[in-house]
């Protein structure tokens, strides 16, 4: 695991930028990562989003493709 990647600054996007980015990168080109709790995910989530609750993220990093851009919310 490349732990130094966690010290790389992350870009923030507002709603319009995020929506545009998702539309420009359909399907499997990106990972949309939902780090909320399962009940929040069930209530509402971005279609195609992968649920990994924040407390589980460090244990499940291998579930993510490091070659794809990842949008986290």
Protein backbone atom coordinates (compact mmCIF):
# COMPACT_ATOMS: atom_id res chain seq x y z
CA UNK A 1 0.00 0.00 0.00
CA UNK A 2 1.26 3.44 -0.93
CA UNK A 3 0.52 5.25 2.31
CA UNK A 4 2.04 8.52 1.06
CA UNK A 5 -0.97 8.91 -1.25
CA UNK A 6 -2.97 10.01 1.78
CA UNK A 7 -0.85 13.14 2.04
CA UNK A 8 -1.63 14.22 -1.51
CA UNK A 9 -3.89 17.28 -1.54
CA UNK A 10 -7.40 16.56 -2.80
CA UNK A 11 -9.36 18.91 -5.02
CA UNK A 12 -12.81 19.94 -3.87
CA UNK A 13 -15.67 20.35 -6.33
CA UNK A 14 -19.03 21.98 -5.95
CA UNK A 15 -22.25 20.32 -7.11
CA UNK A 16 -22.13 21.67 -10.68
CA UNK A 17 -18.49 20.65 -11.17
CA UNK A 18 -19.17 17.19 -9.77
CA UNK A 19 -22.23 16.63 -11.95
CA UNK A 20 -20.31 17.74 -15.03
CA UNK A 21 -17.36 15.50 -14.16
CA UNK A 22 -19.61 12.46 -13.71
CA UNK A 23 -21.36 13.13 -17.02
CA UNK A 24 -17.99 13.42 -18.80
CA UNK A 25 -16.69 10.17 -17.23
CA UNK A 26 -19.52 7.65 -17.48
CA UNK A 27 -19.65 4.08 -16.28
CA UNK A 28 -16.46 2.48 -15.07
CA UNK A 29 -14.13 5.40 -15.84
CA UNK A 30 -14.37 6.73 -12.29
CA UNK A 31 -15.18 5.48 -8.80
CA UNK A 32 -17.85 7.33 -6.88
CA UNK A 33 -17.22 6.55 -3.22
CA UNK A 34 -19.90 7.14 -0.60
CA UNK A 35 -18.34 7.15 2.88
CA UNK A 36 -21.55 7.70 4.81
CA UNK A 37 -23.35 5.14 6.95
CA UNK A 38 -25.42 2.35 5.31
CA UNK A 39 -28.73 3.88 6.44
CA UNK A 40 -27.79 7.18 4.76
CA UNK A 41 -26.75 5.33 1.60
CA UNK A 42 -30.05 3.41 1.51
CA UNK A 43 -32.00 6.63 1.92
CA UNK A 44 -30.29 8.32 -1.03
CA UNK A 45 -27.06 7.99 -3.00
CA UNK A 46 -25.52 8.84 -6.34
CA UNK A 47 -26.34 6.07 -8.84
CA UNK A 48 -23.38 3.74 -9.23
CA UNK A 49 -21.75 4.85 -5.98
CA UNK A 50 -19.78 2.34 -3.93
CA UNK A 51 -20.51 2.34 -0.20
CA UNK A 52 -17.54 2.10 2.14
CA UNK A 53 -18.40 3.78 5.45
CA UNK A 54 -15.60 6.06 6.63
CA UNK A 55 -14.72 3.94 9.69
CA UNK A 56 -14.09 0.96 7.34
CA UNK A 57 -12.16 2.86 4.68
CA UNK A 58 -8.64 2.11 5.90
CA UNK A 59 -9.43 -1.63 5.96
CA UNK A 60 -11.03 -1.61 2.51
CA UNK A 61 -8.66 0.49 0.42
CA UNK A 62 -7.81 -2.53 -1.69
CA UNK A 63 -11.45 -2.53 -2.87
CA UNK A 64 -10.68 0.68 -4.79
CA UNK A 65 -8.96 0.84 -8.17
CA UNK A 66 -5.91 3.12 -7.77
CA UNK A 67 -5.84 3.66 -11.55
CA UNK A 68 -9.25 5.39 -11.58
CA UNK A 69 -10.09 8.85 -10.32
CA UNK A 70 -12.19 8.61 -7.17
CA UNK A 71 -14.89 11.07 -6.18
CA UNK A 72 -15.57 10.86 -2.44
CA UNK A 73 -18.64 12.14 -0.66
